[in-house]
Amino acid sequence: MKFLLFDKLREESEEFLKEPSVEEAADIYEVFLAVLNHWDINFYDVVNHSYYKRDEKGSFSNNVILESVE
């Protein structure tokens, strides 16, 4: 099952790259929720942890990507 989910996530991501839209983003979101459900991961725990990581390590919002860690 997990491989099917990741194949679907890849497919939806590729569709979004070709035609970015709310509809395609919603498709990615639905697959993401299915991935979380498959591994019994709470969505709100993910959101809260993302806030923690953003505070500790930053985010993609400034278009800065970490290339390495020394």
C-alpha atoms as a PDB file:
ATOM      1  CA  MET A   1       0.000   0.000   0.000  1.00  0.00           C
ATOM      2  CA  LYS A   2       2.738   2.481   0.907  1.00  0.00           C
ATOM      3  CA  PHE A   3       4.271   2.244  -2.557  1.00  0.00           C
ATOM      4  CA  LEU A   4       0.904   2.991  -4.138  1.00  0.00           C
ATOM      5  CA  LEU A   5       0.552   6.060  -1.931  1.00  0.00           C
ATOM      6  CA  PHE A   6       3.982   7.350  -2.863  1.00  0.00           C
ATOM      7  CA  ASP A   7       3.378   6.641  -6.540  1.00  0.00           C
ATOM      8  CA  LYS A   8       0.156   8.634  -6.292  1.00  0.00           C
ATOM      9  CA  LEU A   9       1.939  11.458  -4.446  1.00  0.00           C
ATOM     10  CA  ARG A  10       4.561  11.565  -7.188  1.00  0.00           C
ATOM     11  CA  GLU A  11       1.862  11.573  -9.876  1.00  0.00           C
ATOM     12  CA  GLU A  12      -0.077  14.400  -8.231  1.00  0.00           C
ATOM     13  CA  SER A  13       3.111  16.402  -7.662  1.00  0.00           C
ATOM     14  CA  GLU A  14       4.042  16.073 -11.325  1.00  0.00           C
ATOM     15  CA  GLU A  15       0.568  17.246 -12.328  1.00  0.00           C
ATOM     16  CA  PHE A  16       0.973  20.248 -10.022  1.00  0.00           C
ATOM     17  CA  LEU A  17       4.344  21.080 -11.608  1.00  0.00           C
ATOM     18  CA  LYS A  18       2.719  21.048 -15.053  1.00  0.00           C
ATOM     19  CA  GLU A  19      -0.300  23.101 -14.011  1.00  0.00           C
ATOM     20  CA  PRO A  20      -0.063  24.703 -10.549  1.00  0.00           C
ATOM     21  CA  SER A  21      -3.580  25.267  -9.217  1.00  0.00           C
ATOM     22  CA  VAL A  22      -5.702  24.960  -6.112  1.00  0.00           C
ATOM     23  CA  GLU A  23      -7.225  21.787  -7.533  1.00  0.00           C
ATOM     24  CA  GLU A  24      -3.854  20.102  -8.023  1.00  0.00           C
ATOM     25  CA  ALA A  25      -2.676  21.285  -4.591  1.00  0.00           C
ATOM     26  CA  ALA A  26      -5.828  19.763  -3.081  1.00  0.00           C
ATOM     27  CA  ASP A  27      -5.012  16.448  -4.762  1.00  0.00           C
ATOM     28  CA  ILE A  28      -1.540  16.480  -3.188  1.00  0.00           C
ATOM     29  CA  TYR A  29      -3.096  17.347   0.161  1.00  0.00           C
ATOM     30  CA  GLU A  30      -5.527  14.415  -0.055  1.00  0.00           C
ATOM     31  CA  VAL A  31      -2.716  11.965  -0.779  1.00  0.00           C
ATOM     32  CA  PHE A  32      -0.673  13.461   2.058  1.00  0.00           C
ATOM     33  CA  LEU A  33      -3.587  12.873   4.438  1.00  0.00           C
ATOM     34  CA  ALA A  34      -3.806   9.275   3.224  1.00  0.00           C
ATOM     35  CA  VAL A  35      -0.078   8.820   3.892  1.00  0.00           C
ATOM     36  CA  LEU A  36      -0.498  10.126   7.442  1.00  0.00           C
ATOM     37  CA  ASN A  37      -3.501   7.889   7.980  1.00  0.00           C
ATOM     38  CA  HIS A  38      -1.616   4.834   6.692  1.00  0.00           C
ATOM     39  CA  TRP A  39       1.070   5.328   9.347  1.00  0.00           C
ATOM     40  CA  ASP A  40      -1.409   6.512  12.005  1.00  0.00           C
ATOM     41  CA  ILE A  41       0.203   9.956  12.250  1.00  0.00           C
ATOM     42  CA  ASN A  42      -1.953  12.785  13.534  1.00  0.00           C
ATOM     43  CA  PHE A  43      -2.195  15.726  11.116  1.00  0.00           C
ATOM     44  CA  TYR A  44      -2.185  18.294  13.930  1.00  0.00           C
ATOM     45  CA  ASP A  45       0.965  16.754  15.409  1.00  0.00           C
ATOM     46  CA  VAL A  46       2.629  17.261  12.020  1.00  0.00           C
ATOM     47  CA  VAL A  47       1.488  20.883  11.870  1.00  0.00           C
ATOM     48  CA  ASN A  48       2.700  21.596  15.409  1.00  0.00           C
ATOM     49  CA  HIS A  49       6.032  19.918  14.749  1.00  0.00           C
ATOM     50  CA  SER A  50       6.448  21.964  11.579  1.00  0.00           C
ATOM     51  CA  TYR A  51       6.149  25.148  13.663  1.00  0.00           C
ATOM     52  CA  TYR A  52       8.848  23.867  16.001  1.00  0.00           C
ATOM     53  CA  LYS A  53      11.146  22.955  13.095  1.00  0.00           C
ATOM     54  CA  ARG A  54      10.523  26.310  11.416  1.00  0.00           C
ATOM     55  CA  ASP A  55      11.582  28.107  14.595  1.00  0.00           C
ATOM     56  CA  GLU A  56      14.646  25.892  15.067  1.00  0.00           C
ATOM     57  CA  LYS A  57      15.840  25.433  11.489  1.00  0.00           C
ATOM     58  CA  GLY A  58      14.001  27.944   9.322  1.00  0.00           C
ATOM     59  CA  SER A  59      11.703  27.375   6.390  1.00  0.00           C
ATOM     60  CA  PHE A  60      11.500  27.626   2.616  1.00  0.00           C
ATOM     61  CA  SER A  61       9.592  30.902   2.760  1.00  0.00           C
ATOM     62  CA  ASN A  62      12.692  33.009   2.071  1.00  0.00           C
ATOM     63  CA  ASN A  63      13.814  30.806  -0.833  1.00  0.00           C
ATOM     64  CA  VAL A  64      16.925  29.723   1.063  1.00  0.00           C
ATOM     65  CA  ILE A  65      17.867  26.070   0.826  1.00  0.00           C
ATOM     66  CA  LEU A  66      20.417  24.423   3.106  1.00  0.00           C
ATOM     67  CA  GLU A  67      22.996  22.643   0.959  1.00  0.00           C
ATOM     68  CA  SER A  68      25.077  20.994   3.676  1.00  0.00           C
ATOM     69  CA  VAL A  69      25.624  20.677   7.392  1.00  0.00           C
ATOM     70  CA  GLU A  70      29.101  20.657   8.886  1.00  0.00           C
END
